[in-house]
Protein backbone atom coordinates (compact mmCIF):
# COMPACT_ATOMS: atom_id res chain seq x y z
CA MET A 1 18.80 35.55 -9.15
CA GLY A 2 17.74 31.92 -9.75
CA GLN A 3 21.17 30.63 -8.73
CA GLU A 4 21.06 32.75 -5.56
CA ARG A 5 17.66 31.31 -4.69
CA ARG A 6 18.85 27.74 -5.17
CA THR A 7 21.95 28.36 -3.10
CA GLY A 8 19.88 29.98 -0.38
CA VAL A 9 17.49 27.04 -0.18
CA TYR A 10 20.36 24.59 0.02
CA LEU A 11 21.86 26.70 2.80
CA LEU A 12 18.51 26.60 4.62
CA TYR A 13 18.47 22.79 4.36
CA GLY A 14 21.98 22.75 5.79
CA LEU A 15 20.90 24.92 8.73
CA LEU A 16 17.89 22.70 9.40
CA THR A 17 19.94 19.50 9.39
CA SER A 18 22.56 21.14 11.60
CA ALA A 19 19.88 22.04 14.13
CA ALA A 20 18.54 18.49 14.02
CA ASP A 21 22.09 17.22 14.41
CA LEU A 22 22.53 19.18 17.64
CA ALA A 23 19.28 17.72 18.99
CA VAL A 24 19.58 14.10 17.84
CA GLY A 25 23.28 13.34 17.46
CA PRO A 26 24.24 13.36 21.16
CA ALA A 27 21.17 11.29 22.12
CA LEU A 28 22.10 8.47 19.75
CA ARG A 29 25.42 8.08 21.57
CA LEU A 30 23.63 7.08 24.75
CA ARG A 31 23.68 3.39 25.66
CA ARG A 32 19.91 3.02 25.48
CA PHE A 33 20.00 4.07 21.81
CA GLU A 34 22.86 1.75 20.92
CA GLU A 35 20.81 -0.21 18.36
CA HIS A 36 20.32 3.06 16.44
CA ARG A 37 24.01 3.97 16.39
CA GLU A 38 24.38 2.96 12.76
CA ARG A 39 22.38 6.09 11.93
CA LEU A 40 25.56 7.97 12.85
CA GLY A 41 27.53 5.98 10.28
CA ILE A 42 29.06 3.68 12.92
CA TYR A 43 28.92 0.13 11.54
CA PRO A 44 29.96 -3.26 12.99
CA PRO A 45 33.70 -3.91 12.62
CA GLN A 46 33.04 -7.48 11.42
CA LEU A 47 30.99 -6.17 8.49
CA LEU A 48 33.62 -3.63 7.53
CA ASP A 49 36.31 -6.33 7.72
CA ALA A 50 34.28 -8.50 5.34
CA LEU A 51 33.96 -5.62 2.87
CA ARG A 52 37.61 -4.61 2.93
CA GLY A 53 39.37 -5.25 -0.38
CA HIS A 54 36.14 -5.70 -2.33
CA LYS A 55 34.02 -3.47 -4.50
CA VAL A 56 30.69 -2.81 -2.84
CA VAL A 57 27.16 -2.25 -4.12
CA TRP A 58 25.11 -0.38 -1.54
CA LEU A 59 21.40 -0.98 -2.15
CA HIS A 60 18.95 1.10 -0.10
CA ASN A 61 15.26 0.27 0.35
CA ALA A 62 13.19 2.51 2.62
CA SER A 63 10.35 0.13 3.43
CA VAL A 64 9.93 -3.57 4.13
CA GLY A 65 7.91 -3.91 0.93
CA GLU A 66 10.64 -2.34 -1.17
CA LEU A 67 13.21 -4.57 0.49
CA LEU A 68 11.25 -7.71 -0.37
CA ALA A 69 10.70 -6.48 -3.92
CA ALA A 70 14.45 -5.88 -4.35
CA ARG A 71 15.37 -9.55 -3.88
CA PRO A 72 15.45 -10.29 -7.65
CA LEU A 73 17.76 -7.28 -8.08
CA VAL A 74 20.06 -8.62 -5.36
CA ARG A 75 20.29 -11.88 -7.32
CA GLN A 76 21.12 -9.94 -10.48
CA PHE A 77 23.97 -8.14 -8.72
CA ARG A 78 25.22 -11.34 -7.08
CA ASP A 79 25.29 -13.22 -10.39
CA GLY A 80 26.47 -10.35 -12.57
CA LEU A 81 29.19 -8.71 -10.46
CA GLU A 82 31.59 -11.48 -9.50
CA GLY A 83 33.64 -10.75 -6.42
CA TRP A 84 31.58 -7.75 -5.36
CA LYS A 85 29.97 -7.41 -1.93
CA ILE A 86 26.34 -6.34 -1.49
CA VAL A 87 25.20 -4.23 1.46
CA LEU A 88 21.51 -3.53 2.01
CA SER A 89 20.21 -0.64 4.08
CA ALA A 90 16.85 0.39 5.48
CA THR A 91 15.47 3.26 7.52
CA SER A 92 13.89 1.15 10.29
CA LEU A 93 15.13 -1.49 12.72
CA ALA A 94 12.60 -3.97 11.32
CA GLY A 95 13.87 -3.28 7.81
CA ARG A 96 17.46 -3.81 8.91
CA SER A 97 16.54 -7.16 10.47
CA LEU A 98 14.98 -8.31 7.20
CA ALA A 99 17.92 -6.96 5.19
CA ARG A 100 20.26 -9.19 7.17
CA GLU A 101 18.21 -12.22 6.13
CA VAL A 102 18.10 -11.56 2.37
CA VAL A 103 19.85 -14.36 0.50
CA GLY A 104 22.80 -13.06 -1.52
CA ALA A 105 23.44 -9.94 0.58
CA ASP A 106 26.57 -9.62 2.69
CA GLY A 107 25.08 -7.38 5.36
CA GLY A 108 22.22 -5.15 6.42
CA VAL A 109 22.59 -1.71 8.01
CA LEU A 110 20.66 1.42 8.85
CA LEU A 111 20.91 4.36 6.48
CA PRO A 112 22.84 7.23 8.08
CA LEU A 113 21.03 10.38 9.09
CA ASP A 114 21.32 13.02 6.38
CA PHE A 115 23.79 15.09 8.40
CA PRO A 116 27.04 15.80 6.51
CA TRP A 117 29.32 14.17 9.10
CA CYS A 118 27.10 11.06 9.43
CA VAL A 119 27.05 10.67 5.66
CA ALA A 120 30.82 11.17 5.40
CA ARG A 121 31.52 8.60 8.13
CA ALA A 122 29.18 6.04 6.52
CA LEU A 123 30.63 6.47 3.04
CA ASP A 124 34.21 6.32 4.35
CA ALA A 125 33.37 3.11 6.22
CA ILE A 126 31.51 1.17 3.52
CA ARG A 127 33.26 2.75 0.51
CA PRO A 128 30.62 1.85 -2.10
CA ALA A 129 31.54 1.71 -5.76
CA LEU A 130 27.85 1.96 -6.64
CA PHE A 131 24.88 3.27 -4.65
CA VAL A 132 21.39 2.16 -5.66
CA PHE A 133 18.16 3.39 -4.09
CA THR A 134 14.62 2.32 -4.92
CA GLU A 135 11.37 4.25 -5.28
CA THR A 136 12.04 7.91 -4.30
CA GLU A 137 14.38 8.12 -1.33
CA ILE A 138 16.00 11.51 -1.93
CA TRP A 139 18.54 12.54 0.71
CA PRO A 140 20.38 15.73 -0.38
CA ASN A 141 23.55 15.40 1.71
CA LEU A 142 23.94 11.71 0.94
CA LEU A 143 23.60 12.28 -2.80
CA ARG A 144 26.04 15.19 -2.66
CA GLY A 145 28.52 13.08 -0.70
CA LEU A 146 28.32 10.33 -3.32
CA ARG A 147 28.90 12.78 -6.15
CA ARG A 148 31.95 14.27 -4.44
CA ARG A 149 33.41 10.75 -4.16
CA ARG A 150 32.51 10.06 -7.80
CA VAL A 151 30.27 7.18 -6.78
CA PRO A 152 27.35 6.61 -9.21
CA ALA A 153 23.97 7.09 -7.51
CA VAL A 154 21.20 5.20 -9.30
CA MET A 155 17.46 5.39 -8.63
CA LEU A 156 15.67 2.19 -9.66
CA SER A 157 11.97 1.31 -9.64
CA GLY A 158 11.61 5.07 -9.27
CA ARG A 159 8.27 6.70 -8.72
CA VAL A 160 6.82 10.10 -7.91
CA SER A 161 3.17 9.84 -6.94
CA PRO A 162 0.86 12.69 -8.02
CA ARG A 163 0.57 13.73 -4.38
CA SER A 164 4.37 13.80 -3.92
CA PHE A 165 4.73 15.64 -7.21
CA ARG A 166 2.49 18.45 -5.99
CA ARG A 167 4.54 18.76 -2.79
CA TYR A 168 7.89 18.60 -4.54
CA ARG A 169 6.94 21.38 -6.95
CA TRP A 170 7.07 23.84 -4.02
CA ILE A 171 10.80 23.15 -3.68
CA ALA A 172 11.53 22.51 -7.37
CA PRO A 173 14.52 24.93 -7.59
CA PHE A 174 16.23 23.17 -4.66
CA LEU A 175 15.20 19.72 -5.83
CA ARG A 176 16.62 20.34 -9.30
CA ARG A 177 20.03 20.91 -7.77
CA VAL A 178 19.73 17.77 -5.63
CA LEU A 179 18.62 15.62 -8.58
CA ALA A 180 21.68 16.74 -10.52
CA ASN A 181 23.68 14.47 -8.18
CA VAL A 182 21.85 11.35 -9.39
CA THR A 183 23.61 9.47 -12.18
CA LEU A 184 20.57 7.62 -13.53
CA PHE A 185 16.82 7.62 -12.92
CA GLY A 186 15.29 4.21 -13.67
CA MET A 187 11.55 4.92 -13.43
CA GLN A 188 8.64 2.49 -13.19
CA ASN A 189 6.78 3.83 -16.23
CA GLU A 190 6.62 6.78 -18.61
CA ALA A 191 4.25 8.76 -16.37
CA GLU A 192 6.75 8.55 -13.49
CA ALA A 193 9.56 9.45 -15.90
CA GLU A 194 7.69 12.55 -17.03
CA ARG A 195 7.11 13.67 -13.45
CA ILE A 196 10.77 13.31 -12.44
CA ARG A 197 11.82 15.25 -15.56
CA ALA A 198 9.31 17.98 -14.68
CA LEU A 199 10.92 18.24 -11.24
CA GLY A 200 14.31 18.93 -12.79
CA ALA A 201 15.95 15.56 -13.46
CA PRO A 202 18.21 15.85 -16.53
CA ALA A 203 16.19 14.31 -19.36
CA GLU A 204 19.15 12.34 -20.75
CA ARG A 205 19.53 10.51 -17.43
CA VAL A 206 15.93 9.28 -17.24
CA LYS A 207 14.96 5.78 -18.39
CA VAL A 208 11.97 3.49 -17.90
CA THR A 209 13.22 0.29 -16.25
CA GLY A 210 9.98 -1.00 -14.72
CA SER A 211 8.72 -1.74 -11.22
CA LEU A 212 10.60 -4.24 -9.07
CA LYS A 213 7.42 -4.91 -7.10
CA LEU A 214 5.86 -6.43 -10.22
CA GLU A 215 8.24 -9.37 -10.15
CA ALA A 216 8.99 -9.93 -6.50
CA ALA A 217 9.09 -13.70 -6.00
CA PRO A 218 6.28 -15.09 -3.81
CA MET A 219 7.45 -15.91 -0.30
CA ALA A 220 6.93 -19.21 1.48
CA PRO A 221 4.21 -18.88 4.13
CA ALA A 222 5.59 -18.26 7.60
CA ILE A 223 2.39 -19.42 9.31
CA ALA A 224 0.61 -22.76 8.90
CA ILE A 225 -3.07 -21.93 8.37
CA ALA A 226 -5.75 -24.61 8.31
CA SER A 227 -7.32 -24.76 4.85
CA ASP A 228 -10.71 -26.18 5.81
CA ALA A 229 -12.46 -22.80 6.08
CA PRO A 230 -12.55 -19.67 3.84
CA LEU A 231 -10.09 -16.88 4.60
CA TRP A 232 -9.94 -13.27 3.51
CA ILE A 233 -7.14 -10.84 4.18
CA ALA A 234 -7.30 -7.13 4.98
CA ALA A 235 -3.81 -5.74 4.34
CA SER A 236 -2.10 -2.47 5.28
CA THR A 237 -5.23 -1.01 6.88
CA HIS A 238 -5.51 2.46 8.40
CA ALA A 239 -7.74 4.08 11.00
CA GLY A 240 -11.34 3.80 9.83
CA GLU A 241 -10.66 0.79 7.62
CA GLU A 242 -10.47 -1.67 10.51
CA GLU A 243 -13.96 -0.50 11.48
CA ALA A 244 -15.18 -1.17 7.92
CA CYS A 245 -13.52 -4.59 7.87
CA ALA A 246 -14.96 -5.53 11.27
CA ARG A 247 -18.46 -4.57 10.15
CA ALA A 248 -18.06 -6.52 6.92
CA PHE A 249 -16.76 -9.53 8.83
CA VAL A 250 -19.69 -9.55 11.26
CA THR A 251 -22.13 -9.31 8.35
CA LEU A 252 -20.45 -12.12 6.40
CA ARG A 253 -20.24 -14.46 9.39
CA GLU A 254 -24.04 -14.61 9.37
CA ARG A 255 -23.83 -16.42 6.00
CA PHE A 256 -20.40 -18.04 6.27
CA ALA A 257 -20.12 -19.24 9.84
CA ARG A 258 -16.57 -20.58 9.49
CA LEU A 259 -15.16 -17.48 7.79
CA ARG A 260 -11.80 -16.24 9.05
CA LEU A 261 -10.03 -12.91 8.69
CA LEU A 262 -6.33 -12.11 8.71
CA LEU A 263 -6.04 -8.44 9.61
CA ALA A 264 -2.71 -6.67 9.00
CA PRO A 265 -2.63 -3.00 10.09
CA ARG A 266 -0.20 -0.79 8.21
CA HIS A 267 1.35 0.60 11.39
CA LEU A 268 1.97 -1.75 14.30
CA ALA A 269 1.89 1.16 16.76
CA ARG A 270 -1.89 1.18 16.24
CA LEU A 271 -2.44 -2.44 17.32
CA GLY A 272 -4.10 -1.39 20.58
CA ASP A 273 -6.65 0.72 18.68
CA VAL A 274 -7.31 -2.13 16.25
CA GLU A 275 -7.89 -4.57 19.10
CA GLU A 276 -10.40 -2.16 20.61
CA VAL A 277 -12.31 -2.06 17.31
CA LEU A 278 -12.50 -5.86 17.25
CA ARG A 279 -13.64 -6.06 20.87
CA ARG A 280 -16.34 -3.46 20.25
CA HIS A 281 -17.78 -5.68 17.53
CA GLY A 282 -17.53 -8.80 19.67
CA ILE A 283 -14.92 -10.40 17.43
CA SER A 284 -12.47 -12.88 18.98
CA PHE A 285 -8.87 -12.55 17.82
CA VAL A 286 -5.33 -13.71 18.44
CA ARG A 287 -2.03 -11.98 17.74
CA ARG A 288 0.31 -13.76 15.35
CA SER A 289 3.24 -13.37 17.79
CA THR A 290 1.41 -15.51 20.37
CA LEU A 291 0.82 -18.50 18.09
CA ARG A 292 2.51 -21.63 19.33
CA ASP A 293 4.47 -23.49 16.62
CA GLY A 294 3.38 -20.82 14.11
CA ARG A 295 0.03 -22.56 13.49
CA TRP A 296 -3.44 -21.00 13.31
CA CYS A 297 -6.32 -23.46 13.26
CA GLY A 298 -8.93 -20.78 12.62
CA GLU A 299 -9.92 -20.13 16.22
CA PRO A 300 -10.17 -17.39 17.30
CA SER A 301 -11.71 -16.30 14.01
CA VAL A 302 -9.41 -13.30 13.42
CA LEU A 303 -5.62 -13.38 13.24
CA LEU A 304 -4.06 -9.98 13.96
CA LEU A 305 -0.72 -9.82 12.14
CA ASP A 306 1.69 -8.03 14.49
CA THR A 307 4.90 -8.96 12.67
CA LEU A 308 6.69 -7.54 9.63
CA GLY A 309 7.70 -9.26 6.41
CA GLU A 310 5.28 -12.21 6.59
CA LEU A 311 2.19 -10.90 4.81
CA ALA A 312 3.40 -11.56 1.26
CA GLY A 313 3.70 -15.28 1.96
CA LEU A 314 0.17 -15.59 3.33
CA TYR A 315 -1.92 -14.32 0.43
CA GLY A 316 -1.95 -17.65 -1.38
CA GLY A 317 -4.34 -19.24 1.11
CA ALA A 318 -7.00 -16.53 0.83
CA VAL A 319 -10.18 -16.27 -1.22
CA ALA A 320 -9.71 -12.50 -1.55
CA ALA A 321 -7.60 -9.65 -0.24
CA PHE A 322 -8.64 -6.09 0.54
CA VAL A 323 -5.76 -3.63 0.18
CA GLY A 324 -5.87 -0.79 2.69
CA GLY A 325 -5.16 2.91 2.43
CA THR A 326 -7.92 2.98 -0.20
CA LEU A 327 -11.19 3.39 1.74
CA VAL A 328 -9.60 6.38 3.48
CA PRO A 329 -7.70 9.10 1.59
CA VAL A 330 -4.20 7.68 1.99
CA GLY A 331 -3.59 6.70 -1.64
CA GLY A 332 -3.30 2.92 -1.46
CA HIS A 333 -0.63 0.31 -0.85
CA ASN A 334 0.78 -2.76 -2.55
CA VAL A 335 -1.83 -4.28 -4.87
CA VAL A 336 0.78 -6.39 -6.68
CA GLU A 337 1.57 -8.88 -3.90
CA PRO A 338 -1.94 -10.35 -3.62
CA ALA A 339 -2.33 -10.25 -7.41
CA ARG A 340 0.86 -12.22 -7.98
CA ALA A 341 -0.37 -14.77 -5.44
CA GLY A 342 -3.44 -15.34 -7.61
CA VAL A 343 -5.91 -13.79 -5.17
CA ALA A 344 -8.91 -11.63 -6.09
CA VAL A 345 -8.02 -8.05 -5.09
CA LEU A 346 -10.41 -5.50 -3.63
CA PHE A 347 -9.66 -1.85 -2.96
CA GLY A 348 -11.45 1.41 -2.28
CA PRO A 349 -11.65 4.62 -4.33
CA HIS A 350 -8.44 6.25 -3.03
CA VAL A 351 -5.68 4.71 -5.17
CA GLU A 352 -3.71 7.84 -6.08
CA SER A 353 -0.35 6.30 -5.09
CA VAL A 354 -0.95 3.09 -7.07
CA ARG A 355 -3.29 4.37 -9.76
CA ALA A 356 -1.52 2.84 -12.78
CA LEU A 357 -1.36 -0.60 -11.15
CA ALA A 358 -4.97 -0.41 -9.92
CA VAL A 359 -6.21 0.54 -13.38
CA ARG A 360 -4.31 -2.39 -14.93
CA LEU A 361 -5.81 -4.79 -12.42
CA GLU A 362 -9.35 -3.56 -12.98
CA ALA A 363 -8.96 -3.64 -16.75
CA SER A 364 -7.75 -7.26 -16.63
CA GLY A 365 -10.66 -8.36 -14.44
CA GLY A 366 -8.35 -9.10 -11.52
CA ALA A 367 -9.69 -6.48 -9.09
CA ILE A 368 -12.94 -5.13 -7.69
CA ARG A 369 -13.36 -1.53 -6.51
CA VAL A 370 -15.60 -0.89 -3.50
CA HIS A 371 -16.66 2.34 -1.82
CA ASP A 372 -17.65 1.50 1.76
CA ALA A 373 -18.07 -1.30 4.31
CA VAL A 374 -21.47 -2.29 2.90
CA GLU A 375 -20.13 -2.75 -0.61
CA LEU A 376 -17.02 -4.49 0.74
CA ALA A 377 -19.23 -7.07 2.45
CA GLU A 378 -21.41 -7.48 -0.66
CA ARG A 379 -18.53 -8.10 -3.05
CA LEU A 380 -16.75 -10.42 -0.61
CA GLY A 381 -20.01 -12.31 -0.12
CA GLU A 382 -20.26 -12.87 -3.87
CA LEU A 383 -16.74 -14.28 -3.99
CA LEU A 384 -17.26 -16.52 -0.98
CA ALA A 385 -20.50 -17.84 -2.43
CA ASP A 386 -18.90 -18.53 -5.83
CA PRO A 387 -15.37 -19.97 -5.41
CA VAL A 388 -15.09 -20.54 -9.17
CA LYS A 389 -15.64 -16.82 -9.80
CA ALA A 390 -13.10 -15.96 -7.11
CA ARG A 391 -10.52 -18.25 -8.73
CA HIS A 392 -11.10 -16.72 -12.17
CA ILE A 393 -10.58 -13.20 -10.79
CA GLY A 394 -7.48 -14.39 -8.94
CA GLU A 395 -6.02 -15.91 -12.10
CA ALA A 396 -6.73 -12.70 -14.00
CA ALA A 397 -4.92 -10.80 -11.23
CA ARG A 398 -1.93 -13.15 -11.46
CA GLY A 399 -1.78 -12.78 -15.24
CA THR A 400 -1.82 -8.99 -15.03
CA PHE A 401 1.77 -8.82 -13.83
CA ALA A 402 3.23 -11.96 -15.40
CA GLY A 403 6.47 -11.74 -17.33
CA SER A 404 7.91 -8.57 -15.79
CA TRP A 405 11.49 -7.75 -16.80
CA ALA A 406 12.26 -4.97 -14.32
CA ALA A 407 15.10 -6.64 -12.38
CA GLU A 408 17.13 -7.39 -15.49
CA GLN A 409 16.51 -3.97 -17.01
CA SER A 410 17.37 -2.28 -13.72
CA PHE A 411 20.59 -4.24 -13.39
CA ARG A 412 21.64 -3.43 -16.96
CA ALA A 413 20.95 0.27 -16.41
CA ALA A 414 22.98 0.30 -13.20
CA LEU A 415 25.81 -1.53 -14.90
CA GLU A 416 26.05 1.16 -17.58
CA CYS A 417 26.80 3.70 -14.83
CA LEU A 418 29.96 1.79 -13.89
CA SER A 419 31.52 2.08 -17.32
């Protein structure tokens, strides 16, 4: 009965993807969707020519943050697998653009849609000898296609948030069959390892290899920011949080007249809404994309970051950084990047997706938890009024994640799958 149920669910997934295929596949062949054509497994001939005759590592990172965090792993593969080619993939056009700029990689592409024929075309074109994916990007048809070609599929820096775990448990019988196609699960910590085992991952294939985000190298700043006035950063904000940040900023400007704010919404599609919030509070702002020569002198007083991939390199010039997705029930975003830059970190009560990291930061004295706009303004005011205290908290944050070994451990684990 159990086997019939699992087979039935897999059949249902196949029917759903087939229906999506009928709706999406023909549209992507149209000229106006040409930049998305790689989602059909159609890749540039020049890339395929460069790969021909070489073994290929295909490394997939869903988000821009994961892509940036994977740079040390790319170096490990480049140094440790002589003669191999490295292809990076992402799920967005912005991610693909960044993938093409990563030093050590031989190309950046879009991940194919999880339709059987798209997956087959992509795998036949790139012919990977090893497929690595970070965090928890589980695509059933892709993983099945890799297994049928006897290509090791390795999850690294793997995580299953408590929220995702609750959702996945509803499809545990199906997920167990999908996870059987993964050669190795390299999880961020033992709690993540226990969750992936509970979802059906074979226990003997699960290891703890650490979090790649803990050792992502700081980026050089892409914007020249004048250092003669205090700056705080609000990163990866969601609806409701921009309002809180605007109110805090207005309050703080009464005490710190030269204060500046770099505001980076999580989703750029919301920029119009964010601008409306700033206007409503009478706050002058400029979009990063309009800066001439990439310089911001501090006027207008708010810089609205409307680009991707630059935030990590800007933390170092800030007194403090508020990490979004935490004042509203989203679950939180990357608290490691500002910490590694030596910046005091602030976040709200909703840290379900980054709980282990948030707890470590608080315990080390490198982070401050706030609950609303009033408390955000109060804690920021204390840091602005006492730069020595802010520096001490920032150094504690930096020390929290010093000496990570995840890239090396991840590489070694992946290497074992090739033997």
